[in-house]
N, C-alpha and C. Protein backbone atom coordinates (compact mmCIF):
# COMPACT_ATOMS: atom_id res chain seq x y z
N MET A 1 -96.39 98.39 129.19
CA MET A 1 -96.62 99.58 129.82
C MET A 1 -96.40 101.17 129.53
N ASN A 2 -97.37 102.12 129.73
CA ASN A 2 -97.27 102.96 129.51
C ASN A 2 -97.31 104.60 129.93
N LEU A 3 -96.35 104.85 130.90
CA LEU A 3 -96.25 105.55 132.01
C LEU A 3 -96.95 107.14 131.99
N ALA A 4 -96.76 107.71 130.55
CA ALA A 4 -97.33 108.96 130.24
C ALA A 4 -98.67 109.26 130.71
N GLU A 5 -99.76 108.08 130.65
CA GLU A 5 -100.72 108.01 130.54
C GLU A 5 -101.49 107.88 132.22
N LYS A 6 -101.88 108.41 132.73
CA LYS A 6 -102.29 108.24 134.01
C LYS A 6 -103.31 108.15 134.83
N SER A 7 -102.99 107.25 135.37
CA SER A 7 -104.11 106.21 135.67
C SER A 7 -103.72 105.22 137.21
N ALA A 8 -104.53 105.00 137.51
CA ALA A 8 -104.17 104.07 139.20
C ALA A 8 -103.37 103.11 139.25
N GLU A 9 -103.31 102.64 138.01
CA GLU A 9 -102.47 101.09 137.82
C GLU A 9 -101.22 102.36 137.60
N ASN A 10 -100.78 102.62 136.94
CA ASN A 10 -99.41 103.57 136.60
C ASN A 10 -98.36 103.79 137.80
N ALA A 11 -99.59 104.31 138.62
CA ALA A 11 -99.78 105.65 139.91
C ALA A 11 -98.95 103.90 140.91
N GLU A 12 -99.64 102.79 140.79
CA GLU A 12 -99.06 101.90 141.92
C GLU A 12 -97.84 101.11 141.29
N TYR A 13 -97.76 101.20 140.11
CA TYR A 13 -96.48 100.94 139.35
C TYR A 13 -95.44 101.40 139.82
N MET A 14 -95.75 102.39 139.80
CA MET A 14 -94.31 103.18 139.71
C MET A 14 -93.99 103.33 141.52
N ILE A 15 -95.33 103.66 141.97
CA ILE A 15 -94.67 103.16 144.04
C ILE A 15 -94.22 101.85 143.93
N GLU A 16 -94.71 100.38 143.54
CA GLU A 16 -93.98 98.91 143.62
C GLU A 16 -92.15 99.95 143.24
N GLN A 17 -92.48 99.87 142.03
CA GLN A 17 -90.64 100.31 141.88
C GLN A 17 -90.33 101.66 142.67
N ILE A 18 -90.52 102.44 143.04
CA ILE A 18 -89.78 103.19 143.82
C ILE A 18 -89.42 102.45 145.18
N LYS A 19 -90.24 102.04 145.71
CA LYS A 19 -90.22 100.89 147.02
C LYS A 19 -89.23 100.31 146.70
N GLU A 20 -88.85 99.14 145.61
CA GLU A 20 -88.26 98.15 145.28
C GLU A 20 -86.77 98.98 145.32
N ARG A 21 -86.52 99.94 144.26
CA ARG A 21 -85.15 100.52 144.09
C ARG A 21 -85.07 101.05 145.75
N LEU A 22 -85.73 101.65 146.23
CA LEU A 22 -85.18 102.39 147.80
C LEU A 22 -84.68 101.59 148.89
N ASN A 23 -85.26 100.50 148.16
CA ASN A 23 -85.43 99.32 149.64
C ASN A 23 -85.94 99.81 150.94
N VAL A 24 -87.03 100.29 150.77
CA VAL A 24 -87.30 101.24 152.17
C VAL A 24 -88.33 100.22 153.03
N ILE A 25 -88.08 100.02 154.54
CA ILE A 25 -88.58 98.99 154.84
C ILE A 25 -90.03 99.33 155.33
N ASN A 26 -90.22 100.78 155.76
CA ASN A 26 -91.56 100.65 156.74
C ASN A 26 -91.74 102.01 155.42
N PHE A 27 -91.99 101.28 154.45
CA PHE A 27 -92.90 102.02 153.17
C PHE A 27 -94.28 102.25 153.35
N GLU A 28 -95.19 101.35 154.27
CA GLU A 28 -96.73 101.32 154.00
C GLU A 28 -97.16 102.55 154.14
N ALA A 29 -96.84 103.59 154.80
CA ALA A 29 -97.26 104.57 154.81
C ALA A 29 -97.54 105.39 153.73
N ILE A 30 -96.92 105.18 152.83
CA ILE A 30 -97.95 105.59 151.13
C ILE A 30 -98.36 104.58 150.82
N LYS A 31 -99.43 104.60 150.15
CA LYS A 31 -99.49 103.55 149.21
C LYS A 31 -100.30 104.41 148.04
N PRO A 32 -100.43 104.01 147.25
CA PRO A 32 -100.99 104.44 145.94
C PRO A 32 -102.05 105.30 145.80
N SER A 33 -102.88 104.50 146.56
CA SER A 33 -104.63 105.05 147.11
C SER A 33 -104.59 106.48 147.58
N HIS A 34 -103.41 106.90 148.59
CA HIS A 34 -102.71 108.21 148.40
C HIS A 34 -102.94 109.31 147.75
N PHE A 35 -102.50 108.92 146.73
CA PHE A 35 -102.17 109.75 145.70
C PHE A 35 -103.68 110.29 144.49
N ASP A 36 -103.59 111.13 144.10
CA ASP A 36 -104.72 111.62 142.91
C ASP A 36 -104.52 111.99 141.74
N GLU A 37 -104.79 112.17 140.57
CA GLU A 37 -104.52 112.80 139.53
C GLU A 37 -103.81 113.68 139.10
N GLU A 38 -104.26 114.73 140.27
CA GLU A 38 -103.31 115.88 140.20
C GLU A 38 -102.23 116.10 140.26
N MET A 39 -101.71 114.94 141.06
CA MET A 39 -100.44 114.68 141.78
C MET A 39 -99.59 113.66 140.87
N TYR A 40 -100.08 113.61 139.81
CA TYR A 40 -99.75 111.67 138.71
C TYR A 40 -97.72 112.62 138.51
N GLU A 41 -97.95 114.06 137.88
CA GLU A 41 -96.67 113.82 136.90
C GLU A 41 -95.95 114.79 137.77
N GLU A 42 -95.56 115.02 139.11
CA GLU A 42 -94.61 115.12 139.81
C GLU A 42 -94.26 113.67 140.53
N LEU A 43 -95.26 112.58 141.15
CA LEU A 43 -95.06 110.99 141.30
C LEU A 43 -94.43 110.74 140.05
N LYS A 44 -94.47 110.55 138.71
CA LYS A 44 -93.84 110.08 137.50
C LYS A 44 -92.27 110.76 137.81
N ASP A 45 -92.14 112.46 137.89
CA ASP A 45 -90.91 113.07 138.12
C ASP A 45 -90.27 112.45 139.06
N ILE A 46 -90.48 112.07 140.01
CA ILE A 46 -90.15 111.37 141.11
C ILE A 46 -89.31 109.96 141.24
N TYR A 47 -90.39 108.82 140.19
CA TYR A 47 -90.35 107.56 139.65
C TYR A 47 -88.79 107.75 138.37
N ASP A 48 -88.91 108.53 137.64
CA ASP A 48 -87.80 109.44 136.65
C ASP A 48 -86.55 109.40 137.24
N HIS A 49 -86.54 110.05 138.64
CA HIS A 49 -85.17 110.27 139.10
C HIS A 49 -84.72 109.21 139.81
N VAL A 50 -85.66 108.08 140.16
CA VAL A 50 -85.12 106.73 141.09
C VAL A 50 -84.37 105.75 140.71
N MET A 51 -85.59 105.74 139.09
CA MET A 51 -84.84 105.05 138.13
C MET A 51 -84.33 105.05 137.51
N LYS A 52 -83.08 106.03 137.05
CA LYS A 52 -82.31 106.76 137.06
C LYS A 52 -80.50 106.37 137.68
N ARG A 53 -81.00 106.38 139.11
CA ARG A 53 -80.12 106.11 139.57
C ARG A 53 -80.02 104.90 140.00
N THR A 54 -78.50 104.42 140.71
CA THR A 54 -78.16 103.13 140.83
C THR A 54 -78.48 102.72 143.13
N THR A 55 -78.05 104.13 143.45
CA THR A 55 -77.49 103.89 144.75
C THR A 55 -77.56 105.29 145.09
N PHE A 56 -78.02 105.05 146.64
CA PHE A 56 -78.98 106.46 147.30
C PHE A 56 -78.25 106.80 148.37
N SER A 57 -77.80 107.75 149.01
CA SER A 57 -77.58 108.02 150.57
C SER A 57 -78.87 107.85 151.16
N PRO A 58 -78.49 107.59 152.30
CA PRO A 58 -79.50 108.00 153.48
C PRO A 58 -80.04 108.90 153.42
N ASN A 59 -79.84 110.50 152.91
CA ASN A 59 -80.43 111.67 153.27
C ASN A 59 -80.97 112.03 151.84
N GLU A 60 -80.79 110.94 151.10
CA GLU A 60 -81.46 111.11 149.58
C GLU A 60 -82.61 110.07 149.78
N MET A 61 -81.99 109.24 150.63
CA MET A 61 -83.23 108.28 150.86
C MET A 61 -84.50 109.33 151.34
N GLN A 62 -84.69 109.89 152.48
CA GLN A 62 -84.85 110.51 153.80
C GLN A 62 -85.89 111.52 152.42
N ALA A 63 -84.99 111.92 151.81
CA ALA A 63 -86.02 113.47 150.89
C ALA A 63 -87.32 113.00 149.96
N ILE A 64 -86.26 111.66 149.07
CA ILE A 64 -86.87 110.90 148.25
C ILE A 64 -88.85 110.75 149.03
N VAL A 65 -88.46 110.27 150.42
CA VAL A 65 -89.99 109.51 150.43
C VAL A 65 -90.53 110.65 151.24
N GLU A 66 -89.84 111.54 151.98
CA GLU A 66 -90.87 113.01 152.44
C GLU A 66 -91.12 113.80 151.03
N GLU A 67 -90.65 114.15 149.97
CA GLU A 67 -91.81 114.19 149.23
C GLU A 67 -92.23 113.35 148.67
N LEU A 68 -92.45 111.91 148.66
CA LEU A 68 -93.47 111.62 148.23
C LEU A 68 -94.85 111.67 149.71
N GLY A 69 -94.42 112.05 150.88
CA GLY A 69 -95.41 112.18 151.71
C GLY A 69 -95.82 113.90 150.69
N ASN A 70 -95.38 114.40 150.91
CA ASN A 70 -95.84 115.81 150.66
C ASN A 70 -96.83 116.20 149.37
N LEU A 71 -96.97 114.67 148.66
CA LEU A 71 -97.64 114.53 147.02
C LEU A 71 -99.36 114.13 147.41
N ARG A 72 -98.76 113.28 149.06
CA ARG A 72 -100.18 112.66 149.67
C ARG A 72 -101.08 113.27 149.07
N LYS A 73 -102.49 112.96 148.68
CA LYS A 73 -103.61 113.66 148.73
C LYS A 73 -104.26 114.05 150.64
N GLU A 74 -104.93 115.21 150.70
CA GLU A 74 -105.41 115.16 152.23
C GLU A 74 -107.01 114.83 151.68
N LYS A 75 -106.99 114.15 153.21
CA LYS A 75 -108.15 113.61 153.27
C LYS A 75 -109.34 114.49 153.52
């Protein structure tokens, strides 16, 4: 999988991996359909950051989820 390539499938993969790594129970509020291609690089940056780490404090997890929420496209 080439995550440098912008695609809906790659965005979905990254979001699923972030959810798994953070072990967040109520992550249903953030879905791949909430992101557009313009936010792909920011999503990839968050993904890269999360994948480098093995543990997160509650504050770090909250900040990551909030940042993902900020990237959601407008309705």
